[in-house]
Amino acid sequence: MLIWGDTLFVVIAALAFDAVIGDPDWLWRRLPHPVTWFGSLIALLDRLLNRDAWPPLLRRIAGIATIAVLVAIAGIAGLFLTEMTRHVTGGNVMLALIASVFIAQRSLYQHVSRVRMAFASDGLAGARIAVSMIVGRDPDQLDEAAVSRAAIESAAENFSDGIVAPVFWLALLGLPGLLAYKAINTADSMIGHRSERYRWFGWAAARLDDLVNLVPARLSGPLIAVVAPVANGSVATSFRVMIRDAAHHRSPNAGWPESAMAGALGIALAGPRRYAEGLVNDPFLNDGARAAATPDDIRRALHLLVAACLLQAAIYAALALLL
């Protein structure tokens, strides 16, 4: 109980540090962000082990080995950092500072907010450029409604895998759990997509990422639904849309926060979308609701994001007090 209480202190402090400091550009212009270290290792293993001449089974085994090595290194690094700070005055504060680097509250808010501000300052052309920084869609094909929907969907999905999930694994397994999660999530973003090159090699990364996000995604949806009134939405409607439509999303996890967001805002999200690899003809979440999202809906989604982050922090604070 005492050890988990210390971990919860680290969680709460990390959330506070990230909310106040975020990812300062001046620092990461001078130093490589720690996530890029995972990316460099993944790229190296990709070059060494993902051979076109190898049969599918061998490439799948190589992909499994890649993820195993990556998770082991991340976990050992987390254990090493935890042990180094264990007997240092202010060690938990140091751990919280390290952990805050891997949580995306402030940076997610800033990236989504830039899309809304770009509409005001540079019109649709500027908003297309801003949204291309956070989604993989062809921006030239997006009108105002599609850009707005893309920004809102990014806010919802990344609330789950950029905020709720890393905090969940930090609370459950400490810094080793957080670093292992970020390594898996980075691998999925790099090699987990369904291209011919990664169909077999990236299988383990994609499936493991689905697994480690299973619980966090189902926590993130209710967090958004509960704060729906902040955006003049209905808690009951948000829950109803989430329960009804979450399974309609092509991702087994992203549908939970996105459908909750759609219900809270009273708009339709997802639907047909054009990516670099072609058209994805998905059904709408909250189908029948207003599909013409606006920049003002981005503002409302940002209010939901802030409120859901505060609610999550309050829940962890309550758990810490109970312990």
Protein backbone atom coordinates (compact mmCIF):
# COMPACT_ATOMS: atom_id res chain seq x y z
CA MET A 1 0.00 0.00 0.00
CA LEU A 2 2.79 2.43 0.92
CA ILE A 3 4.70 1.68 -2.28
CA TRP A 4 1.58 2.19 -4.42
CA GLY A 5 0.88 5.39 -2.51
CA ASP A 6 4.34 6.65 -3.52
CA THR A 7 3.59 5.68 -7.12
CA LEU A 8 0.35 7.64 -7.04
CA PHE A 9 2.26 10.66 -5.78
CA VAL A 10 4.54 10.30 -8.79
CA VAL A 11 1.47 10.08 -11.07
CA ILE A 12 -0.11 13.24 -9.66
CA ALA A 13 3.16 15.18 -9.70
CA ALA A 14 3.90 14.02 -13.27
CA LEU A 15 0.46 15.22 -14.42
CA ALA A 16 1.09 18.58 -12.73
CA PHE A 17 4.57 18.95 -14.26
CA ASP A 18 3.26 18.10 -17.72
CA ALA A 19 0.34 20.53 -17.40
CA VAL A 20 2.63 23.38 -16.36
CA ILE A 21 5.80 22.63 -18.35
CA GLY A 22 4.74 20.36 -21.20
CA ASP A 23 7.34 19.72 -23.90
CA PRO A 24 9.44 22.91 -24.03
CA ASP A 25 10.68 23.51 -27.56
CA TRP A 26 13.87 25.15 -26.35
CA LEU A 27 14.89 21.91 -24.61
CA TRP A 28 14.05 19.42 -27.35
CA ARG A 29 15.71 21.57 -30.00
CA ARG A 30 18.95 20.99 -28.09
CA LEU A 31 18.42 17.41 -26.92
CA PRO A 32 16.78 14.41 -28.58
CA HIS A 33 13.41 13.60 -27.03
CA PRO A 34 13.60 10.22 -25.24
CA VAL A 35 10.88 8.80 -27.49
CA THR A 36 13.23 9.30 -30.44
CA TRP A 37 15.61 6.84 -28.78
CA PHE A 38 12.93 4.18 -29.06
CA GLY A 39 12.39 5.24 -32.65
CA SER A 40 16.08 4.90 -33.49
CA LEU A 41 16.22 1.40 -31.99
CA ILE A 42 13.08 0.34 -33.85
CA ALA A 43 14.48 1.68 -37.13
CA LEU A 44 17.73 -0.21 -36.55
CA LEU A 45 15.94 -3.49 -35.84
CA ASP A 46 13.71 -2.90 -38.85
CA ARG A 47 16.75 -2.58 -41.11
CA LEU A 48 18.44 -5.65 -39.60
CA LEU A 49 15.52 -8.04 -39.23
CA ASN A 50 12.81 -7.09 -41.73
CA ARG A 51 14.25 -8.70 -44.84
CA ASP A 52 12.15 -8.79 -48.03
CA ALA A 53 13.65 -12.14 -48.98
CA TRP A 54 12.50 -13.83 -45.76
CA PRO A 55 9.26 -15.84 -45.72
CA PRO A 56 6.24 -14.39 -43.84
CA LEU A 57 6.60 -16.67 -40.80
CA LEU A 58 10.24 -15.72 -40.28
CA ARG A 59 9.40 -12.02 -40.64
CA ARG A 60 6.63 -12.37 -38.07
CA ILE A 61 9.04 -14.10 -35.64
CA ALA A 62 11.56 -11.30 -36.26
CA GLY A 63 8.86 -8.76 -35.44
CA ILE A 64 8.02 -10.57 -32.20
CA ALA A 65 11.72 -10.61 -31.28
CA THR A 66 11.97 -6.89 -32.05
CA ILE A 67 9.12 -6.05 -29.68
CA ALA A 68 10.50 -8.35 -26.99
CA VAL A 69 13.91 -6.62 -27.15
CA LEU A 70 12.31 -3.19 -27.18
CA VAL A 71 10.05 -3.84 -24.18
CA ALA A 72 12.90 -5.46 -22.23
CA ILE A 73 15.21 -2.49 -22.80
CA ALA A 74 12.47 0.00 -21.87
CA GLY A 75 11.54 -1.92 -18.74
CA ILE A 76 15.16 -2.30 -17.61
CA ALA A 77 15.75 1.43 -18.20
CA GLY A 78 12.70 2.20 -16.06
CA LEU A 79 13.92 -0.08 -13.27
CA PHE A 80 17.39 1.48 -13.42
CA LEU A 81 16.03 5.03 -13.17
CA THR A 82 13.68 4.03 -10.35
CA GLU A 83 16.48 2.41 -8.39
CA MET A 84 18.80 5.37 -8.95
CA THR A 85 16.26 7.77 -7.45
CA ARG A 86 15.07 5.50 -4.64
CA HIS A 87 17.52 6.71 -1.99
CA VAL A 88 17.95 10.27 -3.26
CA THR A 89 16.30 13.19 -1.49
CA GLY A 90 13.38 14.23 -3.68
CA GLY A 91 13.66 10.99 -5.66
CA ASN A 92 9.91 10.77 -6.28
CA VAL A 93 9.92 14.33 -7.62
CA MET A 94 12.73 13.37 -10.00
CA LEU A 95 10.75 10.33 -11.13
CA ALA A 96 7.70 12.52 -11.70
CA LEU A 97 9.74 14.92 -13.85
CA ILE A 98 11.02 12.00 -15.93
CA ALA A 99 7.53 10.53 -16.25
CA SER A 100 6.03 13.87 -17.29
CA VAL A 101 8.13 13.78 -20.47
CA PHE A 102 6.04 10.83 -21.68
CA ILE A 103 2.61 12.37 -20.96
CA ALA A 104 0.99 14.57 -23.59
CA GLN A 105 -1.63 16.75 -21.90
CA ARG A 106 -0.16 20.15 -22.71
CA SER A 107 1.32 19.23 -26.09
CA LEU A 108 -1.93 17.64 -27.28
CA TYR A 109 -3.90 20.74 -26.27
CA GLN A 110 -1.41 22.98 -28.06
CA HIS A 111 -1.40 20.96 -31.29
CA VAL A 112 -5.18 20.79 -31.52
CA SER A 113 -5.54 24.45 -30.51
CA ARG A 114 -3.20 25.46 -33.35
CA VAL A 115 -5.71 24.09 -35.86
CA ARG A 116 -8.47 26.31 -34.46
CA MET A 117 -6.17 29.35 -34.31
CA ALA A 118 -5.03 28.70 -37.89
CA PHE A 119 -8.63 28.93 -39.09
CA ALA A 120 -8.85 32.39 -37.52
CA SER A 121 -5.49 33.67 -38.76
CA ASP A 122 -4.89 31.91 -42.09
CA GLY A 123 -8.21 30.37 -43.09
CA LEU A 124 -8.67 26.86 -44.46
CA ALA A 125 -5.19 26.73 -46.04
CA GLY A 126 -3.50 27.40 -42.71
CA ALA A 127 -5.76 24.97 -40.86
CA ARG A 128 -4.90 22.24 -43.37
CA ILE A 129 -1.20 22.73 -42.63
CA ALA A 130 -1.81 22.71 -38.87
CA VAL A 131 -3.94 19.57 -38.93
CA SER A 132 -1.38 17.74 -41.10
CA MET A 133 0.94 17.89 -38.07
CA ILE A 134 -1.37 15.61 -36.04
CA VAL A 135 -3.18 13.34 -38.54
CA GLY A 136 -2.09 11.21 -41.46
CA ARG A 137 -4.80 12.30 -43.88
CA ASP A 138 -4.25 14.08 -47.19
CA PRO A 139 -4.85 17.69 -46.06
CA ASP A 140 -5.49 18.99 -49.58
CA GLN A 141 -8.66 16.86 -49.71
CA LEU A 142 -10.12 18.30 -46.48
CA ASP A 143 -12.74 21.05 -46.34
CA GLU A 144 -13.49 23.06 -43.18
CA ALA A 145 -15.75 20.38 -41.71
CA ALA A 146 -13.25 17.58 -42.43
CA VAL A 147 -10.34 19.54 -40.92
CA SER A 148 -12.42 20.27 -37.82
CA ARG A 149 -13.45 16.62 -37.47
CA ALA A 150 -9.84 15.47 -37.91
CA ALA A 151 -8.64 17.79 -35.14
CA ILE A 152 -11.42 16.67 -32.79
CA GLU A 153 -10.82 12.98 -33.51
CA SER A 154 -7.11 13.47 -32.86
CA ALA A 155 -7.90 15.12 -29.52
CA ALA A 156 -10.10 12.17 -28.51
CA GLU A 157 -7.82 9.35 -29.69
CA ASN A 158 -4.65 10.92 -28.31
CA PHE A 159 -6.35 11.65 -25.00
CA SER A 160 -6.52 7.87 -24.70
CA ASP A 161 -3.11 6.73 -25.94
CA GLY A 162 -1.13 9.88 -25.15
CA ILE A 163 -2.52 10.68 -21.71
CA VAL A 164 -4.78 8.05 -20.12
CA ALA A 165 -2.76 5.00 -21.20
CA PRO A 166 0.73 6.17 -20.11
CA VAL A 167 -0.68 7.39 -16.78
CA PHE A 168 -2.51 4.07 -16.30
CA TRP A 169 0.65 2.03 -16.84
CA LEU A 170 2.67 4.42 -14.67
CA ALA A 171 0.17 3.95 -11.84
CA LEU A 172 0.08 0.19 -12.30
CA LEU A 173 3.74 -0.68 -12.91
CA GLY A 174 5.69 2.49 -12.16
CA LEU A 175 8.23 3.99 -14.54
CA PRO A 176 9.08 0.59 -16.12
CA GLY A 177 5.44 0.21 -17.11
CA LEU A 178 5.29 3.72 -18.54
CA LEU A 179 8.48 3.32 -20.61
CA ALA A 180 7.42 -0.11 -21.87
CA TYR A 181 4.07 1.32 -22.93
CA LYS A 182 5.67 4.22 -24.80
CA ALA A 183 8.05 1.82 -26.54
CA ILE A 184 5.14 -0.34 -27.71
CA ASN A 185 3.12 2.68 -28.81
CA THR A 186 6.07 4.09 -30.74
CA ALA A 187 6.64 0.74 -32.44
CA ASP A 188 3.00 0.57 -33.49
CA SER A 189 3.19 4.04 -35.03
CA MET A 190 6.34 3.11 -36.97
CA ILE A 191 5.85 -0.51 -38.04
CA GLY A 192 2.32 -1.43 -37.02
CA HIS A 193 0.49 -0.17 -40.11
CA ARG A 194 -0.87 -2.47 -42.77
CA SER A 195 1.57 -1.86 -45.60
CA GLU A 196 3.15 -4.71 -47.51
CA ARG A 197 6.51 -4.15 -45.80
CA TYR A 198 5.05 -4.38 -42.29
CA ARG A 199 2.22 -6.84 -42.82
CA TRP A 200 4.21 -9.58 -41.06
CA PHE A 201 7.05 -7.78 -39.30
CA GLY A 202 4.71 -5.26 -37.68
CA TRP A 203 2.07 -7.77 -36.60
CA ALA A 204 3.36 -8.10 -33.02
CA ALA A 205 3.66 -4.32 -32.57
CA ALA A 206 0.09 -3.71 -33.73
CA ARG A 207 -1.46 -6.53 -31.68
CA LEU A 208 0.47 -5.67 -28.51
CA ASP A 209 -0.45 -2.00 -28.86
CA ASP A 210 -4.12 -3.02 -29.10
CA LEU A 211 -3.71 -5.10 -25.95
CA VAL A 212 -2.00 -2.48 -23.78
CA ASN A 213 -4.57 0.14 -24.81
CA LEU A 214 -7.56 -2.10 -24.14
CA VAL A 215 -8.26 -0.88 -20.59
CA PRO A 216 -7.10 2.76 -21.00
CA ALA A 217 -9.37 3.28 -24.02
CA ARG A 218 -12.35 2.04 -22.03
CA LEU A 219 -11.42 4.45 -19.24
CA SER A 220 -10.92 7.43 -21.53
CA GLY A 221 -14.40 7.21 -23.04
CA PRO A 222 -16.23 7.51 -19.70
CA LEU A 223 -13.87 10.31 -18.61
CA ILE A 224 -14.97 12.33 -21.65
CA ALA A 225 -18.63 11.38 -21.21
CA VAL A 226 -18.76 12.47 -17.57
CA VAL A 227 -17.54 15.98 -18.41
CA ALA A 228 -19.88 16.41 -21.42
CA PRO A 229 -21.77 19.32 -19.75
CA VAL A 230 -18.58 21.41 -20.04
CA ALA A 231 -19.31 21.52 -23.79
CA ASN A 232 -23.07 21.91 -23.27
CA GLY A 233 -23.48 18.21 -23.96
CA SER A 234 -25.34 15.44 -22.19
CA VAL A 235 -23.64 12.80 -20.05
CA ALA A 236 -26.38 10.29 -20.88
CA THR A 237 -26.14 10.95 -24.63
CA SER A 238 -22.36 10.66 -24.61
CA PHE A 239 -22.51 7.33 -22.78
CA ARG A 240 -25.27 6.06 -25.07
CA VAL A 241 -23.37 6.93 -28.24
CA MET A 242 -20.16 5.46 -26.83
CA ILE A 243 -21.75 2.14 -25.90
CA ARG A 244 -23.62 1.92 -29.20
CA ASP A 245 -20.92 3.05 -31.63
CA ALA A 246 -17.49 2.28 -30.12
CA ALA A 247 -17.33 -1.09 -31.89
CA HIS A 248 -18.05 0.55 -35.27
CA HIS A 249 -14.55 2.07 -35.39
CA ARG A 250 -11.89 0.21 -37.38
CA SER A 251 -9.68 0.32 -34.25
CA PRO A 252 -10.68 -1.88 -31.30
CA ASN A 253 -9.79 0.98 -28.94
CA ALA A 254 -10.06 4.39 -30.62
CA GLY A 255 -13.82 4.07 -30.98
CA TRP A 256 -14.35 4.51 -27.23
CA PRO A 257 -12.98 8.04 -26.77
CA GLU A 258 -14.03 9.16 -30.25
CA SER A 259 -17.65 8.03 -29.92
CA ALA A 260 -17.85 9.55 -26.42
CA MET A 261 -16.52 12.82 -27.87
CA ALA A 262 -19.03 12.65 -30.74
CA GLY A 263 -21.91 12.16 -28.30
CA ALA A 264 -20.68 14.91 -25.96
CA LEU A 265 -20.39 17.44 -28.82
CA GLY A 266 -23.52 16.33 -30.66
CA ILE A 267 -21.66 15.81 -33.94
CA ALA A 268 -20.76 12.87 -36.18
CA LEU A 269 -17.12 11.81 -36.26
CA ALA A 270 -15.01 9.30 -38.25
CA GLY A 271 -16.80 8.23 -41.45
CA PRO A 272 -15.05 8.05 -44.85
CA ARG A 273 -11.51 9.46 -44.68
CA ARG A 274 -8.69 9.71 -47.22
CA TYR A 275 -5.17 8.75 -46.09
CA ALA A 276 -1.95 8.56 -48.08
CA GLU A 277 -2.60 4.87 -48.77
CA GLY A 278 -6.16 5.49 -49.99
CA LEU A 279 -9.78 5.95 -48.93
CA VAL A 280 -11.01 4.41 -45.67
CA ASN A 281 -14.78 3.99 -45.90
CA ASP A 282 -15.69 3.73 -42.20
CA PRO A 283 -19.17 4.35 -40.76
CA PHE A 284 -19.85 7.54 -38.85
CA LEU A 285 -19.82 7.57 -35.07
CA ASN A 286 -23.03 9.22 -33.83
CA ASP A 287 -24.46 8.83 -37.31
CA GLY A 288 -27.41 11.12 -37.92
CA ALA A 289 -25.95 13.95 -35.85
CA ARG A 290 -24.51 17.08 -37.44
CA ALA A 291 -21.60 16.11 -39.70
CA ALA A 292 -20.50 19.65 -40.55
CA ALA A 293 -18.09 20.22 -37.66
CA THR A 294 -16.81 23.76 -37.22
CA PRO A 295 -13.78 25.46 -35.65
CA ASP A 296 -16.03 26.30 -32.69
CA ASP A 297 -16.50 22.55 -32.16
CA ILE A 298 -12.71 22.30 -31.84
CA ARG A 299 -12.94 24.89 -29.05
CA ARG A 300 -15.60 22.82 -27.30
CA ALA A 301 -13.52 19.65 -27.73
CA LEU A 302 -10.55 21.40 -26.11
CA HIS A 303 -12.75 22.31 -23.13
CA LEU A 304 -13.68 18.63 -22.83
CA LEU A 305 -10.02 17.64 -23.05
CA VAL A 306 -9.03 19.95 -20.20
CA ALA A 307 -11.98 18.85 -18.05
CA ALA A 308 -11.28 15.15 -18.66
CA CYS A 309 -7.61 15.63 -17.73
CA LEU A 310 -8.64 17.38 -14.51
CA LEU A 311 -11.11 14.59 -13.72
CA GLN A 312 -8.42 11.95 -14.26
CA ALA A 313 -6.02 13.81 -11.94
CA ALA A 314 -8.76 14.13 -9.30
CA ILE A 315 -9.42 10.38 -9.43
CA TYR A 316 -5.76 9.55 -8.88
CA ALA A 317 -5.57 12.16 -6.11
CA ALA A 318 -8.59 10.56 -4.41
CA LEU A 319 -6.94 7.12 -4.64
CA ALA A 320 -3.76 8.57 -3.11
CA LEU A 321 -5.72 10.03 -0.21
CA LEU A 322 -7.46 6.72 0.38
CA LEU A 323 -4.07 5.02 0.63
